[in-house]
Amino acid sequence: MGDFDGKVVYITGVARGQGRKHAIRFAREGAKIIGMDLCASPSEYVRYPTTTREDLDTTIEMVEAEGGEILAEVGDVRDLAFQQDLVTRGVQKFGGRLDVVIANAGICNWGKVWEIDEAQWQDTIDINLTGYWKTLKATIPHMLEAGNGGSIILVSSVAGLKAMPVQSPYSASKYGVVGLAQTTAKELGEHGIRVNTIHPYGVLTPMGGEDPGAHEVFENMPQFLPHFTPILGMGMAKTDDISDSVMFLASDASRTITASTFTVDMGAIKV
């Protein structure tokens, strides 16, 4: 028996990294997974390796290897109609319920406020913030109709609690996610649906560890390094570290927690 037997979980950005690990962990605990990923470059300003269709296929195989069921497709969080259609089909396929939503898809890029391009700003906001709103709009009606309560987890960042230099669109979007989550929590409290944000520091994924833009910033602008130094000198987190927090916030063990900012940051916001 798993902790999430019979429950249905929707995850954006599921093809690799944190999203993939969440899918595997939930499948291991008996949940059915609905997932999506762009599997292409989301913006010309993203310089780290982006996901591929092969990545998504690997996630599907790994979930099924855990004995899980999954409906996962290629799509864009900026496409509301796609998300609505995918979620509707997934809910129908898996018994008419939706219990957990994890808005995880996002991008990161670098540059000073007055030097970034308009498209660089807009791409980040459209994916990291407006894309999250579209995820909520596509999923909440199904959660309300099922009437089972549930948990919504929006992945923010340290940069959503502590503004970071050379990351203005990223920080702005991740701060916005906090406001979006807390408004949604207030609106859904009477329905027993909890809404929280998690705030990781760097995570060992291609976005977190293979971004040449980040390396260039730290080499050319070392004055900003102190803003990125956490209290615990343990390097970047593993995807399992983030999944531990997601699993907790999705479970009944956190039934009293909503509208919270749940930090998984090695103390970075206190520096």
C-alpha atoms as a PDB file:
ATOM      1  CA  MET A   1       0.000   0.000   0.000  1.00  0.00           C
ATOM      2  CA  GLY A   2       1.298   3.423  -0.964  1.00  0.00           C
ATOM      3  CA  ASP A   3       0.588   6.768   0.646  1.00  0.00           C
ATOM      4  CA  PHE A   4      -1.129   8.005  -2.550  1.00  0.00           C
ATOM      5  CA  ASP A   5      -2.979   4.885  -3.685  1.00  0.00           C
ATOM      6  CA  GLY A   6      -5.835   5.798  -6.026  1.00  0.00           C
ATOM      7  CA  LYS A   7      -4.920   9.480  -6.196  1.00  0.00           C
ATOM      8  CA  VAL A   8      -4.222  11.462  -9.360  1.00  0.00           C
ATOM      9  CA  VAL A   9      -1.379  13.959  -9.702  1.00  0.00           C
ATOM     10  CA  TYR A  10      -0.811  16.556 -12.442  1.00  0.00           C
ATOM     11  CA  ILE A  11       2.785  17.691 -13.011  1.00  0.00           C
ATOM     12  CA  THR A  12       4.072  20.275 -15.492  1.00  0.00           C
ATOM     13  CA  GLY A  13       7.669  20.059 -16.672  1.00  0.00           C
ATOM     14  CA  VAL A  14       7.651  16.305 -16.171  1.00  0.00           C
ATOM     15  CA  ALA A  15      10.231  15.219 -18.776  1.00  0.00           C
ATOM     16  CA  ARG A  16      13.308  15.399 -16.545  1.00  0.00           C
ATOM     17  CA  GLY A  17      14.821  16.966 -13.447  1.00  0.00           C
ATOM     18  CA  GLN A  18      12.511  17.787 -10.562  1.00  0.00           C
ATOM     19  CA  GLY A  19       9.321  17.013 -12.499  1.00  0.00           C
ATOM     20  CA  ARG A  20      10.515  13.534 -13.437  1.00  0.00           C
ATOM     21  CA  LYS A  21      11.555  12.760  -9.883  1.00  0.00           C
ATOM     22  CA  HIS A  22       8.175  13.900  -8.530  1.00  0.00           C
ATOM     23  CA  ALA A  23       6.400  11.629 -11.027  1.00  0.00           C
ATOM     24  CA  ILE A  24       8.509   8.617 -10.067  1.00  0.00           C
ATOM     25  CA  ARG A  25       8.060   9.198  -6.354  1.00  0.00           C
ATOM     26  CA  PHE A  26       4.284   9.590  -6.617  1.00  0.00           C
ATOM     27  CA  ALA A  27       3.996   6.522  -8.850  1.00  0.00           C
ATOM     28  CA  ARG A  28       5.984   4.549  -6.297  1.00  0.00           C
ATOM     29  CA  GLU A  29       3.364   5.519  -3.722  1.00  0.00           C
ATOM     30  CA  GLY A  30       0.437   4.403  -5.882  1.00  0.00           C
ATOM     31  CA  ALA A  31      -0.609   7.623  -7.631  1.00  0.00           C
ATOM     32  CA  LYS A  32      -1.606   7.958 -11.271  1.00  0.00           C
ATOM     33  CA  ILE A  33       0.223  10.692 -13.160  1.00  0.00           C
ATOM     34  CA  ILE A  34      -0.885  13.272 -15.711  1.00  0.00           C
ATOM     35  CA  GLY A  35       2.099  15.168 -17.070  1.00  0.00           C
ATOM     36  CA  MET A  36       3.303  17.510 -19.770  1.00  0.00           C
ATOM     37  CA  ASP A  37       6.504  19.073 -21.017  1.00  0.00           C
ATOM     38  CA  LEU A  38       7.459  21.306 -23.927  1.00  0.00           C
ATOM     39  CA  CYS A  39      10.339  19.048 -25.069  1.00  0.00           C
ATOM     40  CA  ALA A  40      11.894  21.920 -27.005  1.00  0.00           C
ATOM     41  CA  SER A  41      13.588  25.230 -26.319  1.00  0.00           C
ATOM     42  CA  PRO A  42      11.076  27.547 -24.603  1.00  0.00           C
ATOM     43  CA  SER A  43      12.990  30.742 -25.330  1.00  0.00           C
ATOM     44  CA  GLU A  44      16.038  31.882 -27.283  1.00  0.00           C
ATOM     45  CA  TYR A  45      17.387  33.256 -23.995  1.00  0.00           C
ATOM     46  CA  VAL A  46      17.599  29.833 -22.354  1.00  0.00           C
ATOM     47  CA  ARG A  47      21.150  28.547 -22.768  1.00  0.00           C
ATOM     48  CA  TYR A  48      21.155  25.338 -20.746  1.00  0.00           C
ATOM     49  CA  PRO A  49      20.169  22.070 -22.466  1.00  0.00           C
ATOM     50  CA  THR A  50      16.394  21.880 -22.853  1.00  0.00           C
ATOM     51  CA  THR A  51      14.148  18.835 -22.704  1.00  0.00           C
ATOM     52  CA  THR A  52      13.469  16.477 -25.590  1.00  0.00           C
ATOM     53  CA  ARG A  53      10.797  13.988 -26.573  1.00  0.00           C
ATOM     54  CA  GLU A  54      13.275  11.259 -25.602  1.00  0.00           C
ATOM     55  CA  ASP A  55      13.421  12.722 -22.084  1.00  0.00           C
ATOM     56  CA  LEU A  56       9.638  12.508 -21.815  1.00  0.00           C
ATOM     57  CA  ASP A  57       9.630   8.935 -23.106  1.00  0.00           C
ATOM     58  CA  THR A  58      12.215   8.045 -20.455  1.00  0.00           C
ATOM     59  CA  THR A  59      10.012   9.528 -17.733  1.00  0.00           C
ATOM     60  CA  ILE A  60       7.065   7.458 -18.960  1.00  0.00           C
ATOM     61  CA  GLU A  61       9.194   4.322 -18.898  1.00  0.00           C
ATOM     62  CA  MET A  62      10.488   5.069 -15.396  1.00  0.00           C
ATOM     63  CA  VAL A  63       6.996   5.705 -14.026  1.00  0.00           C
ATOM     64  CA  GLU A  64       5.700   2.493 -15.578  1.00  0.00           C
ATOM     65  CA  ALA A  65       8.699   0.610 -14.160  1.00  0.00           C
ATOM     66  CA  GLU A  66       7.406   1.614 -10.715  1.00  0.00           C
ATOM     67  CA  GLY A  67       4.057   0.049 -11.599  1.00  0.00           C
ATOM     68  CA  GLY A  68       2.479   3.445 -12.192  1.00  0.00           C
ATOM     69  CA  GLU A  69       0.034   4.647 -14.819  1.00  0.00           C
ATOM     70  CA  ILE A  70       0.802   7.856 -16.678  1.00  0.00           C
ATOM     71  CA  LEU A  71      -0.674  10.061 -19.383  1.00  0.00           C
ATOM     72  CA  ALA A  72       2.105  12.417 -20.487  1.00  0.00           C
ATOM     73  CA  GLU A  73       2.184  14.567 -23.608  1.00  0.00           C
ATOM     74  CA  VAL A  74       4.212  17.288 -25.305  1.00  0.00           C
ATOM     75  CA  GLY A  75       2.726  20.728 -24.806  1.00  0.00           C
ATOM     76  CA  ASP A  76       3.300  24.274 -23.618  1.00  0.00           C
ATOM     77  CA  VAL A  77       2.176  25.708 -20.257  1.00  0.00           C
ATOM     78  CA  ARG A  78       1.490  28.936 -22.153  1.00  0.00           C
ATOM     79  CA  ASP A  79      -1.235  27.104 -24.085  1.00  0.00           C
ATOM     80  CA  LEU A  80      -4.315  27.145 -21.859  1.00  0.00           C
ATOM     81  CA  ALA A  81      -6.452  25.101 -24.240  1.00  0.00           C
ATOM     82  CA  PHE A  82      -3.827  22.355 -24.348  1.00  0.00           C
ATOM     83  CA  GLN A  83      -3.614  22.157 -20.561  1.00  0.00           C
ATOM     84  CA  GLN A  84      -7.390  22.116 -20.186  1.00  0.00           C
ATOM     85  CA  ASP A  85      -7.746  19.330 -22.745  1.00  0.00           C
ATOM     86  CA  LEU A  86      -4.920  17.222 -21.291  1.00  0.00           C
ATOM     87  CA  VAL A  87      -6.176  17.523 -17.726  1.00  0.00           C
ATOM     88  CA  THR A  88      -9.748  16.743 -18.747  1.00  0.00           C
ATOM     89  CA  ARG A  89      -8.674  13.617 -20.603  1.00  0.00           C
ATOM     90  CA  GLY A  90      -6.405  12.546 -17.761  1.00  0.00           C
ATOM     91  CA  VAL A  91      -9.108  12.984 -15.143  1.00  0.00           C
ATOM     92  CA  GLN A  92     -11.533  10.954 -17.271  1.00  0.00           C
ATOM     93  CA  LYS A  93      -8.916   8.244 -17.844  1.00  0.00           C
ATOM     94  CA  PHE A  94      -8.071   7.920 -14.165  1.00  0.00           C
ATOM     95  CA  GLY A  95     -11.512   7.777 -12.603  1.00  0.00           C
ATOM     96  CA  GLY A  96     -12.819  11.314 -12.422  1.00  0.00           C
ATOM     97  CA  ARG A  97     -10.608  12.824  -9.753  1.00  0.00           C
ATOM     98  CA  LEU A  98      -7.620  15.130  -9.374  1.00  0.00           C
ATOM     99  CA  ASP A  99      -5.906  15.308  -5.998  1.00  0.00           C
ATOM    100  CA  VAL A 100      -2.525  16.978  -6.393  1.00  0.00           C
ATOM    101  CA  VAL A 101      -1.256  19.668  -8.782  1.00  0.00           C
ATOM    102  CA  ILE A 102       2.431  20.529  -9.077  1.00  0.00           C
ATOM    103  CA  ALA A 103       3.233  23.580 -11.210  1.00  0.00           C
ATOM    104  CA  ASN A 104       6.885  22.911 -11.902  1.00  0.00           C
ATOM    105  CA  ALA A 105       7.679  24.009 -15.479  1.00  0.00           C
ATOM    106  CA  GLY A 106       9.874  27.085 -15.586  1.00  0.00           C
ATOM    107  CA  ILE A 107      12.875  28.791 -17.163  1.00  0.00           C
ATOM    108  CA  CYS A 108      15.826  30.857 -15.971  1.00  0.00           C
ATOM    109  CA  ASN A 109      18.090  33.368 -17.707  1.00  0.00           C
ATOM    110  CA  TRP A 110      20.513  36.124 -16.795  1.00  0.00           C
ATOM    111  CA  GLY A 111      21.188  39.838 -17.321  1.00  0.00           C
ATOM    112  CA  LYS A 112      21.036  43.235 -15.653  1.00  0.00           C
ATOM    113  CA  VAL A 113      17.659  44.982 -15.525  1.00  0.00           C
ATOM    114  CA  TRP A 114      18.522  47.623 -18.100  1.00  0.00           C
ATOM    115  CA  GLU A 115      20.405  45.266 -20.412  1.00  0.00           C
ATOM    116  CA  ILE A 116      17.936  42.412 -20.937  1.00  0.00           C
ATOM    117  CA  ASP A 117      15.690  42.360 -23.997  1.00  0.00           C
ATOM    118  CA  GLU A 118      11.934  42.844 -23.843  1.00  0.00           C
ATOM    119  CA  ALA A 119      11.380  39.311 -25.175  1.00  0.00           C
ATOM    120  CA  GLN A 120      13.670  37.896 -22.494  1.00  0.00           C
ATOM    121  CA  TRP A 121      11.530  39.515 -19.820  1.00  0.00           C
ATOM    122  CA  GLN A 122       8.242  38.504 -21.426  1.00  0.00           C
ATOM    123  CA  ASP A 123       9.200  34.876 -22.101  1.00  0.00           C
ATOM    124  CA  THR A 124      10.096  34.389 -18.450  1.00  0.00           C
ATOM    125  CA  ILE A 125       6.929  35.972 -17.102  1.00  0.00           C
ATOM    126  CA  ASP A 126       4.743  34.122 -19.619  1.00  0.00           C
ATOM    127  CA  ILE A 127       6.120  30.729 -18.593  1.00  0.00           C
ATOM    128  CA  ASN A 128       6.980  31.141 -14.914  1.00  0.00           C
ATOM    129  CA  LEU A 129       3.971  33.160 -13.801  1.00  0.00           C
ATOM    130  CA  THR A 130       1.208  33.299 -16.402  1.00  0.00           C
ATOM    131  CA  GLY A 131       1.859  29.637 -17.197  1.00  0.00           C
ATOM    132  CA  TYR A 132       1.237  28.840 -13.530  1.00  0.00           C
ATOM    133  CA  TRP A 133      -2.058  30.716 -13.608  1.00  0.00           C
ATOM    134  CA  LYS A 134      -3.070  28.717 -16.671  1.00  0.00           C
ATOM    135  CA  THR A 135      -2.180  25.516 -14.826  1.00  0.00           C
ATOM    136  CA  LEU A 136      -4.459  26.563 -11.966  1.00  0.00           C
ATOM    137  CA  LYS A 137      -7.266  27.515 -14.336  1.00  0.00           C
ATOM    138  CA  ALA A 138      -7.009  24.126 -16.059  1.00  0.00           C
ATOM    139  CA  THR A 139      -6.991  22.075 -12.859  1.00  0.00           C
ATOM    140  CA  ILE A 140      -8.986  23.719 -10.081  1.00  0.00           C
ATOM    141  CA  PRO A 141     -12.425  23.083 -11.649  1.00  0.00           C
ATOM    142  CA  HIS A 142     -11.685  19.341 -11.671  1.00  0.00           C
ATOM    143  CA  MET A 143     -10.584  19.386  -8.044  1.00  0.00           C
ATOM    144  CA  LEU A 144     -13.748  21.242  -7.055  1.00  0.00           C
ATOM    145  CA  GLU A 145     -15.963  18.886  -9.015  1.00  0.00           C
ATOM    146  CA  ALA A 146     -14.366  15.827  -7.429  1.00  0.00           C
ATOM    147  CA  GLY A 147     -14.902  17.329  -3.975  1.00  0.00           C
ATOM    148  CA  ASN A 148     -11.982  15.486  -2.404  1.00  0.00           C
ATOM    149  CA  GLY A 149     -10.005  18.502  -1.231  1.00  0.00           C
ATOM    150  CA  GLY A 150      -6.401  18.191  -2.289  1.00  0.00           C
ATOM    151  CA  SER A 151      -3.080  19.977  -2.486  1.00  0.00           C
ATOM    152  CA  ILE A 152      -1.613  22.424  -4.991  1.00  0.00           C
ATOM    153  CA  ILE A 153       2.125  23.056  -4.934  1.00  0.00           C
ATOM    154  CA  LEU A 154       3.669  25.884  -6.934  1.00  0.00           C
ATOM    155  CA  VAL A 155       7.425  25.676  -7.368  1.00  0.00           C
ATOM    156  CA  SER A 156       8.905  29.090  -6.670  1.00  0.00           C
ATOM    157  CA  SER A 157      12.537  29.672  -5.691  1.00  0.00           C
ATOM    158  CA  VAL A 158      14.849  31.317  -3.219  1.00  0.00           C
ATOM    159  CA  ALA A 159      14.553  34.137  -5.766  1.00  0.00           C
ATOM    160  CA  GLY A 160      10.859  34.366  -4.884  1.00  0.00           C
ATOM    161  CA  LEU A 161      11.671  35.385  -1.309  1.00  0.00           C
ATOM    162  CA  LYS A 162      15.011  37.138  -1.759  1.00  0.00           C
ATOM    163  CA  ALA A 163      15.561  39.185  -4.896  1.00  0.00           C
ATOM    164  CA  MET A 164      18.596  38.035  -6.852  1.00  0.00           C
ATOM    165  CA  PRO A 165      20.873  40.263  -8.956  1.00  0.00           C
ATOM    166  CA  VAL A 166      21.081  39.602 -12.711  1.00  0.00           C
ATOM    167  CA  GLN A 167      17.832  37.610 -12.472  1.00  0.00           C
ATOM    168  CA  SER A 168      15.163  40.311 -12.576  1.00  0.00           C
ATOM    169  CA  PRO A 169      12.536  38.493 -14.704  1.00  0.00           C
ATOM    170  CA  TYR A 170      13.133  35.251 -12.819  1.00  0.00           C
ATOM    171  CA  SER A 171      12.845  36.907  -9.401  1.00  0.00           C
ATOM    172  CA  ALA A 172       9.806  38.934 -10.470  1.00  0.00           C
ATOM    173  CA  SER A 173       8.051  35.815 -11.720  1.00  0.00           C
ATOM    174  CA  LYS A 174       8.891  33.775  -8.640  1.00  0.00           C
ATOM    175  CA  TYR A 175       7.727  36.553  -6.293  1.00  0.00           C
ATOM    176  CA  GLY A 176       4.544  36.667  -8.356  1.00  0.00           C
ATOM    177  CA  VAL A 177       4.035  32.945  -7.834  1.00  0.00           C
ATOM    178  CA  VAL A 178       3.897  33.557  -4.074  1.00  0.00           C
ATOM    179  CA  GLY A 179       1.122  36.121  -4.456  1.00  0.00           C
ATOM    180  CA  LEU A 180      -0.754  33.874  -6.854  1.00  0.00           C
ATOM    181  CA  ALA A 181      -0.502  30.922  -4.488  1.00  0.00           C
ATOM    182  CA  GLN A 182      -1.610  32.812  -1.405  1.00  0.00           C
ATOM    183  CA  THR A 183      -4.603  34.370  -3.167  1.00  0.00           C
ATOM    184  CA  THR A 184      -5.593  30.935  -4.450  1.00  0.00           C
ATOM    185  CA  ALA A 185      -5.184  29.438  -0.976  1.00  0.00           C
ATOM    186  CA  LYS A 186      -7.624  31.975   0.453  1.00  0.00           C
ATOM    187  CA  GLU A 187     -10.153  31.277  -2.274  1.00  0.00           C
ATOM    188  CA  LEU A 188      -9.911  27.479  -1.955  1.00  0.00           C
ATOM    189  CA  GLY A 189      -9.688  27.109   1.814  1.00  0.00           C
ATOM    190  CA  GLU A 190     -13.431  26.555   2.189  1.00  0.00           C
ATOM    191  CA  HIS A 191     -13.132  23.629  -0.234  1.00  0.00           C
ATOM    192  CA  GLY A 192     -10.373  21.924   1.725  1.00  0.00           C
ATOM    193  CA  ILE A 193      -7.797  22.499  -1.009  1.00  0.00           C
ATOM    194  CA  ARG A 194      -4.421  23.644   0.270  1.00  0.00           C
ATOM    195  CA  VAL A 195      -2.032  25.795  -1.791  1.00  0.00           C
ATOM    196  CA  ASN A 196       1.635  26.257  -0.941  1.00  0.00           C
ATOM    197  CA  THR A 197       4.877  27.343  -2.567  1.00  0.00           C
ATOM    198  CA  ILE A 198       8.241  25.634  -2.271  1.00  0.00           C
ATOM    199  CA  HIS A 199      11.481  27.584  -2.529  1.00  0.00           C
ATOM    200  CA  PRO A 200      14.562  25.601  -3.542  1.00  0.00           C
ATOM    201  CA  TYR A 201      18.087  26.927  -3.844  1.00  0.00           C
ATOM    202  CA  GLY A 202      20.113  25.420  -6.712  1.00  0.00           C
ATOM    203  CA  VAL A 203      19.168  21.871  -7.709  1.00  0.00           C
ATOM    204  CA  LEU A 204      21.315  19.412  -9.660  1.00  0.00           C
ATOM    205  CA  THR A 205      19.439  19.524 -12.961  1.00  0.00           C
ATOM    206  CA  PRO A 206      20.503  20.839 -16.384  1.00  0.00           C
ATOM    207  CA  MET A 207      18.866  24.172 -15.544  1.00  0.00           C
ATOM    208  CA  GLY A 208      20.590  24.353 -12.181  1.00  0.00           C
ATOM    209  CA  GLY A 209      23.984  22.928 -13.001  1.00  0.00           C
ATOM    210  CA  GLU A 210      24.593  23.265 -16.738  1.00  0.00           C
ATOM    211  CA  ASP A 211      23.774  26.900 -17.479  1.00  0.00           C
ATOM    212  CA  PRO A 212      26.680  28.725 -19.177  1.00  0.00           C
ATOM    213  CA  GLY A 213      24.952  32.025 -18.426  1.00  0.00           C
ATOM    214  CA  ALA A 214      25.351  31.440 -14.709  1.00  0.00           C
ATOM    215  CA  HIS A 215      29.020  30.544 -15.059  1.00  0.00           C
ATOM    216  CA  GLU A 216      29.670  33.706 -17.072  1.00  0.00           C
ATOM    217  CA  VAL A 217      27.926  35.878 -14.500  1.00  0.00           C
ATOM    218  CA  PHE A 218      29.961  34.489 -11.634  1.00  0.00           C
ATOM    219  CA  GLU A 219      33.220  34.786 -13.574  1.00  0.00           C
ATOM    220  CA  ASN A 220      32.623  38.317 -14.853  1.00  0.00           C
ATOM    221  CA  MET A 221      30.641  39.800 -11.931  1.00  0.00           C
ATOM    222  CA  PRO A 222      32.094  38.241  -8.774  1.00  0.00           C
ATOM    223  CA  GLN A 223      30.648  41.083  -6.691  1.00  0.00           C
ATOM    224  CA  PHE A 224      27.293  39.292  -6.903  1.00  0.00           C
ATOM    225  CA  LEU A 225      28.537  35.932  -5.612  1.00  0.00           C
ATOM    226  CA  PRO A 226      27.670  36.602  -1.924  1.00  0.00           C
ATOM    227  CA  HIS A 227      23.973  36.807  -2.865  1.00  0.00           C
ATOM    228  CA  PHE A 228      24.126  33.230  -4.138  1.00  0.00           C
ATOM    229  CA  THR A 229      25.996  31.644  -1.213  1.00  0.00           C
ATOM    230  CA  PRO A 230      23.834  29.553   1.161  1.00  0.00           C
ATOM    231  CA  ILE A 231      24.532  28.882   4.840  1.00  0.00           C
ATOM    232  CA  LEU A 232      25.034  25.154   4.357  1.00  0.00           C
ATOM    233  CA  GLY A 233      28.074  24.545   2.180  1.00  0.00           C
ATOM    234  CA  MET A 234      26.785  21.300   0.713  1.00  0.00           C
ATOM    235  CA  GLY A 235      26.551  22.234  -2.953  1.00  0.00           C
ATOM    236  CA  MET A 236      23.329  21.935  -4.890  1.00  0.00           C
ATOM    237  CA  ALA A 237      20.345  19.929  -3.716  1.00  0.00           C
ATOM    238  CA  LYS A 238      19.386  16.624  -5.291  1.00  0.00           C
ATOM    239  CA  THR A 239      16.017  16.228  -6.949  1.00  0.00           C
ATOM    240  CA  ASP A 240      15.007  13.823  -4.168  1.00  0.00           C
ATOM    241  CA  ASP A 241      15.518  16.630  -1.643  1.00  0.00           C
ATOM    242  CA  ILE A 242      12.871  18.690  -3.413  1.00  0.00           C
ATOM    243  CA  SER A 243      10.561  15.714  -3.908  1.00  0.00           C
ATOM    244  CA  ASP A 244      10.679  15.038  -0.157  1.00  0.00           C
ATOM    245  CA  SER A 245       9.093  18.446   0.436  1.00  0.00           C
ATOM    246  CA  VAL A 246       6.587  18.039  -2.394  1.00  0.00           C
ATOM    247  CA  MET A 247       5.488  14.645  -1.076  1.00  0.00           C
ATOM    248  CA  PHE A 248       5.037  16.091   2.396  1.00  0.00           C
ATOM    249  CA  LEU A 249       2.974  19.060   1.210  1.00  0.00           C
ATOM    250  CA  ALA A 250       0.807  16.744  -0.894  1.00  0.00           C
ATOM    251  CA  SER A 251       0.159  14.373   2.001  1.00  0.00           C
ATOM    252  CA  ASP A 252      -2.260  14.392   4.907  1.00  0.00           C
ATOM    253  CA  ALA A 253       0.731  14.990   7.178  1.00  0.00           C
ATOM    254  CA  SER A 254       0.574  18.641   6.084  1.00  0.00           C
ATOM    255  CA  ARG A 255      -3.206  18.970   6.368  1.00  0.00           C
ATOM    256  CA  THR A 256      -2.891  22.117   8.508  1.00  0.00           C
ATOM    257  CA  ILE A 257      -0.493  23.886   6.139  1.00  0.00           C
ATOM    258  CA  THR A 258      -1.666  26.281   3.455  1.00  0.00           C
ATOM    259  CA  ALA A 259      -0.534  29.633   2.025  1.00  0.00           C
ATOM    260  CA  SER A 260       2.954  28.808   3.281  1.00  0.00           C
ATOM    261  CA  THR A 261       6.354  29.510   1.758  1.00  0.00           C
ATOM    262  CA  PHE A 262       8.200  26.240   2.293  1.00  0.00           C
ATOM    263  CA  THR A 263      11.932  26.761   1.986  1.00  0.00           C
ATOM    264  CA  VAL A 264      14.294  24.001   0.835  1.00  0.00           C
ATOM    265  CA  ASP A 265      17.222  26.339   0.431  1.00  0.00           C
ATOM    266  CA  MET A 266      20.143  25.454   2.713  1.00  0.00           C
ATOM    267  CA  GLY A 267      19.523  28.758   4.472  1.00  0.00           C
ATOM    268  CA  ALA A 268      20.112  30.824   1.328  1.00  0.00           C
ATOM    269  CA  ILE A 269      17.318  33.338   1.966  1.00  0.00           C
ATOM    270  CA  LYS A 270      18.910  34.250   5.307  1.00  0.00           C
ATOM    271  CA  VAL A 271      22.221  35.339   3.749  1.00  0.00           C
END
